[in-house]
């Protein structure tokens, strides 16, 4: 496994874990947004630009959800 593939596995695993834990609070929503941004970077770095674009859109959606979510 090369370094880029390892980065992708870690980024996607982190993103999915944060998605599963999203109901635990506002900070986890922000962490999910960071995971989406990392996954987007992986998509662009691996020349899978459609994946990178979709993950960038999810980053924006998650950041909006972070802004509108009240603290718990």
Protein backbone atom coordinates (compact mmCIF):
# COMPACT_ATOMS: atom_id res chain seq x y z
CA UNK A 1 0.00 0.00 0.00
CA UNK A 2 1.47 3.34 -0.99
CA UNK A 3 1.32 6.50 1.10
CA UNK A 4 -1.54 8.07 -0.88
CA UNK A 5 -3.72 4.96 -0.51
CA UNK A 6 -2.99 4.86 3.23
CA UNK A 7 -3.98 8.54 3.49
CA UNK A 8 -7.24 7.78 1.68
CA UNK A 9 -8.07 4.85 3.94
CA UNK A 10 -7.42 6.91 7.07
CA UNK A 11 -9.36 9.93 5.75
CA UNK A 12 -12.40 7.89 4.71
CA UNK A 13 -12.39 5.84 7.91
CA UNK A 14 -12.25 9.02 9.99
CA UNK A 15 -15.06 10.61 7.96
CA UNK A 16 -17.33 7.57 8.34
CA UNK A 17 -16.62 7.32 12.08
CA UNK A 18 -17.48 10.98 12.60
CA UNK A 19 -20.66 10.53 10.55
CA UNK A 20 -21.69 7.64 12.80
CA UNK A 21 -21.01 9.71 15.93
CA UNK A 22 -22.54 12.96 14.60
CA UNK A 23 -25.44 12.87 17.05
CA UNK A 24 -23.02 13.26 19.98
CA UNK A 25 -22.58 16.97 19.47
CA UNK A 26 -21.64 19.97 17.46
CA UNK A 27 -17.89 19.32 17.62
CA UNK A 28 -18.33 15.95 15.95
CA UNK A 29 -20.20 17.64 13.09
CA UNK A 30 -17.17 19.89 12.62
CA UNK A 31 -14.88 16.85 12.73
CA UNK A 32 -17.09 15.23 10.06
CA UNK A 33 -16.61 18.34 7.90
CA UNK A 34 -12.84 18.01 8.37
CA UNK A 35 -13.06 14.34 7.37
CA UNK A 36 -14.97 15.32 4.24
CA UNK A 37 -12.27 17.88 3.40
CA UNK A 38 -9.55 15.26 3.87
CA UNK A 39 -11.48 12.83 1.67
CA UNK A 40 -11.87 15.53 -0.96
CA UNK A 41 -8.13 16.16 -0.90
CA UNK A 42 -7.56 12.43 -1.36
CA UNK A 43 -9.91 12.41 -4.36
CA UNK A 44 -8.05 15.23 -6.06
CA UNK A 45 -4.61 13.84 -5.21
CA UNK A 46 -5.55 10.43 -6.63
CA UNK A 47 -6.89 12.03 -9.84
CA UNK A 48 -10.45 10.97 -9.02
CA UNK A 49 -11.74 14.52 -9.39
CA UNK A 50 -15.49 13.63 -9.41
CA UNK A 51 -14.99 12.07 -5.96
CA UNK A 52 -13.03 15.14 -4.85
CA UNK A 53 -15.81 17.46 -6.01
CA UNK A 54 -18.55 15.45 -4.28
CA UNK A 55 -16.59 15.38 -1.02
CA UNK A 56 -15.98 19.14 -1.31
CA UNK A 57 -19.75 19.64 -1.58
CA UNK A 58 -20.24 17.43 1.51
CA UNK A 59 -17.68 19.58 3.31
CA UNK A 60 -19.76 22.69 2.64
CA UNK A 61 -22.97 20.92 3.69
CA UNK A 62 -21.37 19.72 6.93
CA UNK A 63 -20.02 23.20 7.70
CA UNK A 64 -23.51 24.65 7.19
CA UNK A 65 -24.93 22.00 9.50
CA UNK A 66 -22.24 22.89 12.07
CA UNK A 67 -23.23 26.57 11.90
CA UNK A 68 -26.93 25.83 12.36
CA UNK A 69 -26.54 23.15 15.07
CA UNK A 70 -26.99 24.38 18.60
CA UNK A 71 -24.46 23.33 21.22
CA UNK A 72 -25.37 20.51 23.58
